[in-house]
N, C-alpha and C. Protein backbone atom coordinates (compact mmCIF):
# COMPACT_ATOMS: atom_id res chain seq x y z
N MET A 1 124.03 114.80 90.96
CA MET A 1 123.81 116.27 90.32
C MET A 1 122.45 115.52 89.52
N GLU A 2 122.16 117.43 89.02
CA GLU A 2 120.74 117.17 88.53
C GLU A 2 121.07 116.77 86.89
N PRO A 3 120.03 116.07 86.15
CA PRO A 3 120.27 115.03 85.00
C PRO A 3 120.80 116.19 83.96
N GLY A 4 121.93 116.17 83.27
CA GLY A 4 122.13 116.98 82.04
C GLY A 4 123.53 118.19 82.58
N THR A 5 123.65 117.84 83.57
CA THR A 5 124.49 118.95 84.22
C THR A 5 125.86 118.33 84.52
N MET A 6 126.91 119.04 84.00
CA MET A 6 128.24 118.27 84.05
C MET A 6 129.25 119.78 84.68
N LEU A 7 129.34 119.68 85.91
CA LEU A 7 130.16 120.15 86.43
C LEU A 7 131.96 120.66 85.77
N ASP A 8 132.30 121.55 86.18
CA ASP A 8 133.89 121.41 85.72
C ASP A 8 134.81 121.07 86.50
N GLN A 9 135.87 120.07 86.11
CA GLN A 9 136.79 119.82 87.19
C GLN A 9 137.39 121.32 88.12
N LYS A 10 137.41 122.54 87.78
CA LYS A 10 137.65 123.86 88.72
C LYS A 10 136.38 123.93 89.38
N GLN A 11 135.26 123.65 89.17
CA GLN A 11 134.29 123.60 89.83
C GLN A 11 134.53 122.34 91.33
N LEU A 12 134.34 121.14 90.99
CA LEU A 12 134.44 120.15 91.77
C LEU A 12 135.69 120.40 92.52
N ARG A 13 137.01 120.73 92.38
CA ARG A 13 138.06 121.23 93.16
C ARG A 13 137.49 121.89 94.32
N LYS A 14 136.91 123.04 93.81
CA LYS A 14 136.74 124.27 94.40
C LYS A 14 135.43 123.79 95.82
N VAL A 15 134.59 122.76 95.21
CA VAL A 15 133.39 122.27 96.06
C VAL A 15 134.51 121.38 97.04
N TRP A 16 134.99 120.30 96.79
CA TRP A 16 135.85 119.57 97.57
C TRP A 16 136.74 120.40 98.53
N PHE A 17 137.49 121.27 98.19
CA PHE A 17 138.38 122.38 98.80
C PHE A 17 137.31 122.93 100.22
N LEU A 18 136.05 123.97 99.43
CA LEU A 18 135.27 124.20 100.38
C LEU A 18 134.91 123.18 101.77
N SER A 19 134.75 121.88 101.24
CA SER A 19 133.88 120.75 101.77
C SER A 19 135.29 120.65 103.01
N ASP A 20 136.24 120.70 102.90
CA ASP A 20 137.00 120.32 103.90
C ASP A 20 137.28 121.74 104.57
N ASN A 21 137.66 122.63 104.23
CA ASN A 21 137.88 124.04 104.68
C ASN A 21 137.09 124.84 104.88
N VAL A 22 135.97 124.77 104.61
CA VAL A 22 135.08 125.88 104.96
C VAL A 22 133.34 125.06 105.82
N LEU A 23 133.30 124.35 104.84
CA LEU A 23 131.74 123.76 105.20
C LEU A 23 131.99 122.51 106.46
N TYR A 24 133.16 122.20 106.75
CA TYR A 24 133.16 121.00 107.60
C TYR A 24 133.21 121.89 109.14
N ARG A 25 133.65 122.87 108.83
CA ARG A 25 133.96 123.72 110.23
C ARG A 25 132.62 124.68 110.28
N GLU A 26 131.78 125.00 109.65
CA GLU A 26 130.58 125.34 109.64
C GLU A 26 129.47 124.15 110.34
N ALA A 27 129.60 123.34 109.70
CA ALA A 27 128.63 122.16 110.09
C ALA A 27 128.97 121.87 111.72
N VAL A 28 130.13 122.01 111.78
CA VAL A 28 130.13 121.42 113.12
C VAL A 28 129.82 122.55 114.36
N ALA A 29 130.20 123.75 114.10
CA ALA A 29 129.78 125.15 114.47
C ALA A 29 128.29 125.15 114.61
N PHE A 30 127.60 124.69 113.72
CA PHE A 30 126.13 124.91 112.77
C PHE A 30 125.38 123.95 114.30
N LEU A 31 126.04 122.77 114.37
CA LEU A 31 125.46 121.72 115.62
C LEU A 31 125.89 121.63 116.70
N HIS A 32 127.06 122.89 117.17
CA HIS A 32 127.05 123.06 118.27
C HIS A 32 126.28 123.97 118.94
N LYS A 33 125.97 125.05 118.19
CA LYS A 33 125.10 126.38 118.57
C LYS A 33 124.01 125.56 118.70
N LEU A 34 123.24 124.56 117.95
CA LEU A 34 121.87 124.17 117.92
C LEU A 34 121.69 123.15 119.73
N VAL A 35 123.06 122.37 119.79
CA VAL A 35 122.90 121.76 121.03
C VAL A 35 123.32 122.57 122.72
N TYR A 36 124.34 123.54 122.39
CA TYR A 36 124.95 123.87 123.44
C TYR A 36 124.42 125.18 123.61
N GLU A 37 123.88 126.17 122.72
CA GLU A 37 123.39 127.32 123.29
C GLU A 37 121.75 127.17 122.99
N GLN A 38 120.97 126.73 122.22
CA GLN A 38 119.85 126.74 122.20
C GLN A 38 119.32 125.31 122.73
N GLU A 39 120.44 124.71 123.29
CA GLU A 39 120.01 123.00 124.32
C GLU A 39 118.86 122.11 123.43
N CYS A 40 119.17 122.31 122.30
CA CYS A 40 118.58 120.85 121.65
C CYS A 40 119.16 119.36 121.67
N ASP A 41 118.64 118.42 121.33
CA ASP A 41 119.13 117.10 121.26
C ASP A 41 119.71 116.84 120.20
N PRO A 42 120.76 116.30 119.53
CA PRO A 42 121.24 116.08 118.70
C PRO A 42 120.01 114.83 117.70
N LEU A 43 119.82 114.86 116.14
CA LEU A 43 119.07 114.41 115.94
C LEU A 43 118.79 112.87 115.87
N PRO A 44 117.62 112.71 116.43
CA PRO A 44 117.59 111.19 116.19
C PRO A 44 117.86 110.21 114.87
N THR A 45 118.74 109.32 115.07
CA THR A 45 118.82 108.32 114.08
C THR A 45 118.11 108.24 112.86
N SER A 46 117.03 108.27 113.02
CA SER A 46 115.79 108.01 111.90
C SER A 46 115.89 109.24 111.15
N GLN A 47 115.67 110.36 111.85
CA GLN A 47 116.09 111.84 111.23
C GLN A 47 117.22 111.94 110.13
N VAL A 48 118.68 111.45 111.24
CA VAL A 48 119.95 111.54 109.82
C VAL A 48 119.67 111.18 109.10
N THR A 49 119.21 109.40 109.27
CA THR A 49 119.39 108.64 108.13
C THR A 49 118.08 109.04 107.15
N GLY A 50 117.24 109.84 107.03
CA GLY A 50 116.64 110.23 106.02
C GLY A 50 117.29 111.56 105.10
N LEU A 51 117.84 112.35 106.35
CA LEU A 51 118.17 113.24 105.84
C LEU A 51 119.42 112.60 104.73
N LEU A 52 120.40 112.72 105.24
CA LEU A 52 121.46 111.91 104.47
C LEU A 52 120.96 111.38 103.76
N ASN A 53 119.98 110.14 103.35
CA ASN A 53 119.71 109.58 102.26
C ASN A 53 118.97 110.70 101.43
N ILE A 54 118.54 111.68 101.70
CA ILE A 54 117.85 112.74 100.13
C ILE A 54 119.73 113.49 100.01
N ALA A 55 120.35 113.49 100.94
CA ALA A 55 121.21 114.75 100.28
C ALA A 55 121.85 113.80 99.55
N LEU A 56 121.93 112.24 99.79
CA LEU A 56 122.68 111.73 98.92
C LEU A 56 122.53 111.82 97.24
N LEU A 57 120.75 111.89 97.04
CA LEU A 57 120.66 111.75 95.69
C LEU A 57 121.01 112.93 94.90
N LEU A 58 121.38 113.68 95.27
CA LEU A 58 122.16 115.09 94.73
C LEU A 58 121.10 115.51 93.83
N LYS A 59 119.61 115.54 94.10
CA LYS A 59 119.17 116.08 93.22
C LYS A 59 118.10 117.34 94.40
N TYR A 60 118.86 118.68 94.38
CA TYR A 60 119.03 119.60 95.13
C TYR A 60 117.17 120.00 95.45
N GLY A 61 116.44 120.00 94.69
CA GLY A 61 114.92 120.40 94.77
C GLY A 61 114.33 119.20 95.53
N GLU A 62 115.02 117.53 95.25
CA GLU A 62 114.51 116.81 96.51
C GLU A 62 114.37 117.28 98.31
N LEU A 63 116.04 117.39 98.15
CA LEU A 63 116.15 118.06 99.17
C LEU A 63 115.88 119.30 99.98
N GLU A 64 115.30 120.37 99.55
CA GLU A 64 114.47 121.63 99.61
C GLU A 64 113.06 121.00 99.91
N ASP A 65 112.48 119.99 99.09
CA ASP A 65 111.00 119.31 99.64
C ASP A 65 110.73 118.87 100.43
N PHE A 66 111.96 117.69 101.18
CA PHE A 66 112.27 116.95 102.21
C PHE A 66 111.94 118.06 103.72
N ILE A 67 113.19 118.92 103.15
CA ILE A 67 113.60 119.78 104.30
C ILE A 67 111.71 120.58 104.94
N GLN A 68 111.01 121.34 104.05
CA GLN A 68 110.04 121.56 103.96
C GLN A 68 108.99 120.35 104.34
N HIS A 69 109.06 119.30 103.90
CA HIS A 69 108.11 118.96 104.68
C HIS A 69 108.31 118.48 106.50
N GLN A 70 109.56 118.12 106.55
CA GLN A 70 109.81 118.26 107.89
C GLN A 70 109.50 119.29 108.88
N LEU A 71 109.71 120.76 108.19
CA LEU A 71 109.47 121.76 108.88
C LEU A 71 108.00 122.17 109.12
N GLU A 72 107.06 121.19 107.89
CA GLU A 72 105.34 121.33 108.04
C GLU A 72 105.04 120.64 108.88
N ARG A 73 105.49 119.40 109.62
CA ARG A 73 105.34 118.52 110.21
C ARG A 73 104.65 118.79 111.59
N ASN A 74 103.38 118.65 112.12
CA ASN A 74 103.23 119.16 113.32
C ASN A 74 104.14 118.41 114.20
N TRP A 75 105.13 118.51 114.75
CA TRP A 75 106.14 117.89 115.86
C TRP A 75 105.54 118.00 117.10
N PRO A 76 105.57 116.80 117.97
CA PRO A 76 104.66 116.73 119.36
C PRO A 76 105.78 117.47 120.18
N PRO A 77 105.65 118.19 121.27
CA PRO A 77 106.95 118.87 122.11
C PRO A 77 107.65 118.54 122.47
N GLY A 78 107.80 117.08 122.67
CA GLY A 78 109.06 116.64 122.75
C GLY A 78 110.10 116.13 121.83
N LYS A 79 109.83 116.77 120.61
CA LYS A 79 110.49 116.50 119.39
C LYS A 79 110.25 118.22 118.61
N ARG A 80 110.62 119.34 119.71
CA ARG A 80 110.41 120.15 118.96
C ARG A 80 112.05 120.81 118.56
N ASP A 81 112.87 120.13 119.05
CA ASP A 81 114.64 120.10 118.91
C ASP A 81 114.57 119.95 116.93
N ILE A 82 114.12 118.86 116.64
CA ILE A 82 114.05 118.28 115.35
C ILE A 82 113.36 119.73 114.43
N LYS A 83 112.22 120.48 114.45
CA LYS A 83 111.69 121.63 113.95
C LYS A 83 112.92 122.53 113.96
N ILE A 84 113.33 122.61 115.08
CA ILE A 84 114.41 123.42 115.34
C ILE A 84 115.94 123.81 114.10
N LEU A 85 116.17 122.63 114.52
CA LEU A 85 117.14 122.35 113.79
C LEU A 85 116.55 121.91 111.74
N TYR A 86 115.85 122.04 111.40
CA TYR A 86 115.22 121.83 110.09
C TYR A 86 115.06 123.42 109.38
N THR A 87 114.78 124.36 110.92
CA THR A 87 114.78 125.31 110.38
C THR A 87 116.21 126.16 110.21
N ALA A 88 116.56 125.79 111.13
CA ALA A 88 117.91 126.59 111.16
C ALA A 88 118.41 125.79 109.71
N LEU A 89 118.52 124.78 109.21
CA LEU A 89 119.31 124.30 108.18
C LEU A 89 118.58 124.50 107.09
N GLU A 90 117.48 124.70 106.89
CA GLU A 90 116.91 125.43 105.55
C GLU A 90 117.68 127.21 105.57
N GLU A 91 117.48 127.60 106.49
CA GLU A 91 118.27 129.26 106.56
C GLU A 91 119.52 129.19 106.12
N VAL A 92 120.79 128.32 106.60
CA VAL A 92 121.84 127.71 106.34
C VAL A 92 122.18 127.63 104.71
N LEU A 93 121.34 127.15 103.79
CA LEU A 93 121.31 126.77 102.46
C LEU A 93 120.48 127.43 101.76
N GLY A 94 119.53 128.42 102.19
CA GLY A 94 119.24 129.30 101.45
C GLY A 94 120.01 130.42 101.36
N ILE A 95 120.79 130.67 102.20
CA ILE A 95 122.02 131.82 102.32
C ILE A 95 123.06 131.21 101.15
N MET A 96 123.18 130.12 101.55
CA MET A 96 124.40 129.24 100.68
C MET A 96 124.30 129.82 98.97
N ARG A 97 123.06 129.49 98.88
CA ARG A 97 122.38 129.21 97.67
C ARG A 97 122.32 130.92 97.06
N ARG A 98 121.69 131.65 98.02
CA ARG A 98 120.81 132.96 97.48
C ARG A 98 122.56 133.85 97.49
N LYS A 99 123.71 133.80 98.59
CA LYS A 99 124.63 134.95 98.57
C LYS A 99 126.16 134.14 98.31
N ARG A 100 126.05 132.97 99.06
CA ARG A 100 127.46 132.67 99.17
C ARG A 100 128.00 131.80 98.18
N LEU A 101 127.19 130.95 97.36
CA LEU A 101 127.53 130.46 96.01
C LEU A 101 127.97 131.19 94.96
N LYS A 102 127.61 132.39 94.63
CA LYS A 102 128.33 133.24 93.77
C LYS A 102 129.23 134.20 94.16
N ASP A 103 128.72 134.75 95.47
CA ASP A 103 129.29 136.32 95.77
C ASP A 103 130.31 135.77 96.79
N GLU A 104 130.30 134.55 97.45
CA GLU A 104 131.55 134.34 98.46
C GLU A 104 132.54 132.58 97.44
N PHE A 105 132.08 132.03 97.20
CA PHE A 105 132.50 130.56 97.04
C PHE A 105 132.87 131.11 95.26
N HIS A 106 132.57 131.85 94.96
CA HIS A 106 132.96 131.89 93.02
C HIS A 106 132.57 130.63 92.46
N LEU A 107 131.75 130.18 92.83
CA LEU A 107 131.78 129.13 91.95
C LEU A 107 130.54 129.18 90.82
N LEU A 108 129.80 130.28 90.19
CA LEU A 108 129.09 130.62 89.17
C LEU A 108 129.79 131.14 88.32
N ASP A 109 131.24 131.81 88.36
CA ASP A 109 131.94 132.65 87.60
C ASP A 109 132.26 132.19 86.28
N GLY A 110 131.92 132.30 85.31
CA GLY A 110 131.88 132.00 83.68
C GLY A 110 130.62 131.33 83.61
N VAL A 111 129.54 130.99 84.37
CA VAL A 111 128.40 130.47 83.83
C VAL A 111 127.81 131.30 83.26
N SER A 112 127.18 130.64 81.84
CA SER A 112 126.45 131.61 81.20
C SER A 112 124.90 131.71 82.08
N ALA A 113 124.22 133.01 81.26
CA ALA A 113 122.67 133.18 81.96
C ALA A 113 121.79 131.84 81.42
N GLY A 114 122.20 131.68 80.55
CA GLY A 114 120.55 130.61 80.32
C GLY A 114 121.12 129.20 81.11
N GLU A 115 122.34 128.86 81.75
CA GLU A 115 122.75 127.62 82.34
C GLU A 115 122.70 128.31 84.03
N ILE A 116 122.65 129.36 84.36
CA ILE A 116 122.69 129.82 85.79
C ILE A 116 121.49 128.75 86.83
N ARG A 117 120.70 128.55 86.42
CA ARG A 117 119.71 127.54 87.43
C ARG A 117 120.22 126.54 87.55
N ARG A 118 120.16 125.43 86.48
CA ARG A 118 121.01 124.49 86.24
C ARG A 118 122.43 123.97 87.42
N GLU A 119 123.08 124.98 86.92
CA GLU A 119 124.41 125.08 87.76
C GLU A 119 124.16 125.40 88.53
N THR A 120 123.35 126.11 89.43
CA THR A 120 122.94 126.55 90.60
C THR A 120 122.69 125.25 91.19
N ASP A 121 121.73 124.69 91.06
CA ASP A 121 121.17 123.47 91.81
C ASP A 121 122.04 122.13 91.95
N ALA A 122 122.57 122.05 90.76
CA ALA A 122 123.96 121.07 90.81
C ALA A 122 124.71 121.49 91.97
N LEU A 123 125.50 122.54 91.79
CA LEU A 123 126.53 123.18 93.21
C LEU A 123 125.53 122.92 93.93
N MET A 124 124.46 123.25 94.43
CA MET A 124 123.92 123.51 95.82
C MET A 124 124.18 121.70 96.36
N ALA A 125 123.28 120.80 95.44
CA ALA A 125 123.48 119.52 95.60
C ALA A 125 124.54 119.12 96.26
N LEU A 126 125.71 119.50 95.34
CA LEU A 126 126.99 118.95 96.19
C LEU A 126 127.25 119.74 97.03
N LEU A 127 127.43 120.99 97.45
CA LEU A 127 127.59 121.82 98.77
C LEU A 127 126.80 121.50 99.97
N ALA A 128 125.17 120.85 99.71
CA ALA A 128 124.29 120.50 100.76
C ALA A 128 124.66 119.20 101.11
N ARG A 129 124.98 118.60 100.05
CA ARG A 129 125.87 116.87 100.81
C ARG A 129 126.88 116.91 101.57
N GLU A 130 127.71 117.95 100.85
CA GLU A 130 129.34 118.18 101.73
C GLU A 130 128.93 118.30 103.00
N PHE A 131 128.24 119.42 103.48
CA PHE A 131 127.50 120.25 104.51
C PHE A 131 127.05 118.98 105.46
N ILE A 132 125.59 118.58 104.94
CA ILE A 132 125.07 117.35 105.74
C ILE A 132 125.81 116.05 105.89
N GLN A 133 126.76 115.81 105.29
CA GLN A 133 127.57 114.82 105.66
C GLN A 133 128.41 115.03 106.99
N HIS A 134 129.16 116.38 106.88
CA HIS A 134 129.29 117.07 107.92
C HIS A 134 128.93 116.92 109.19
N MET A 135 127.51 117.15 108.98
CA MET A 135 126.87 117.28 110.72
C MET A 135 126.46 116.43 110.53
N VAL A 136 126.40 115.33 109.99
CA VAL A 136 125.37 113.68 110.53
C VAL A 136 126.89 113.41 111.61
N ALA A 137 128.20 113.71 110.95
CA ALA A 137 129.00 112.97 111.33
C ALA A 137 129.74 113.61 113.09
N GLU A 138 129.39 114.67 113.10
CA GLU A 138 129.10 115.98 114.38
C GLU A 138 127.57 115.27 115.42
N ASN A 139 126.76 115.17 114.48
CA ASN A 139 125.70 115.01 115.43
C ASN A 139 126.10 113.33 115.68
N GLY A 140 126.65 112.53 115.25
CA GLY A 140 126.82 111.05 115.95
C GLY A 140 127.68 111.28 117.23
N ARG A 141 128.80 111.97 116.86
CA ARG A 141 130.12 112.40 117.71
C ARG A 141 129.14 112.93 119.03
N LEU A 142 128.47 113.97 118.69
CA LEU A 142 127.33 114.64 120.37
C LEU A 142 126.66 114.08 120.86
N ALA A 143 126.10 113.07 119.97
CA ALA A 143 124.79 112.38 120.75
C ALA A 143 125.53 111.24 122.11
N VAL A 144 126.90 110.61 121.19
CA VAL A 144 127.65 109.90 122.07
C VAL A 144 128.60 110.82 123.42
N GLU A 145 128.76 111.76 123.08
CA GLU A 145 129.44 112.68 123.96
C GLU A 145 128.15 113.11 125.21
N LEU A 146 127.31 113.27 124.48
CA LEU A 146 126.03 113.53 125.76
C LEU A 146 125.20 112.41 126.15
N SER A 147 125.18 111.24 125.70
CA SER A 147 125.04 110.20 126.52
C SER A 147 125.85 109.84 127.36
N ASN A 148 126.82 109.96 127.29
CA ASN A 148 128.15 109.35 128.27
C ASN A 148 128.12 110.39 129.11
N GLN A 149 127.91 111.82 129.17
CA GLN A 149 127.81 112.97 130.19
C GLN A 149 126.71 112.63 130.78
N ARG A 150 125.72 111.90 130.51
CA ARG A 150 124.18 111.65 131.43
C ARG A 150 124.45 110.95 132.61
N PRO A 151 125.11 109.44 132.58
CA PRO A 151 125.17 109.05 133.75
C PRO A 151 125.78 109.59 134.49
N ARG A 152 127.34 110.26 134.55
CA ARG A 152 127.69 110.89 135.10
C ARG A 152 127.01 111.94 135.96
N GLN A 153 126.69 112.81 135.44
CA GLN A 153 125.69 113.54 135.89
C GLN A 153 124.82 113.44 137.11
N ARG A 154 123.85 112.03 136.79
CA ARG A 154 123.01 111.23 137.71
C ARG A 154 123.57 111.39 138.79
N SER A 155 124.95 110.13 138.54
CA SER A 155 125.47 109.71 139.99
C SER A 155 126.06 110.62 140.76
N LYS A 156 126.22 112.14 140.60
CA LYS A 156 126.43 113.11 141.07
C LYS A 156 125.51 113.51 142.19
């Protein structure tokens, strides 16, 4: 969490509920869309490790900076999938911050105007971490599934 921010137990319980009941399904659907509809490869281990490490810091600004850095990199054509994934992740997290955090998740109910920015950053750090953890787990599962399918496809 951001320094000086203490989320209350009600907010934390909502985040954990959302993680199990909403973010898990959405993270899986997010990766399936990228892999099966947009034909992207799962993220390589180095990207998964970097993304997860940044998400675990619980400082949302650092996560935003990391994603922005990945978007600005000049990826070679063979790694276009990485840029596609980060573009989609930036969009998902942006919508979560701008709309869903308050209007759908109701995590900012009762937060004073003076605390809204700090609470938003703290909550987004937790929500992003939960989403990314689910995404990373599904990324690993899909990577194994796809690598197991490739040898069978070649032998046919």
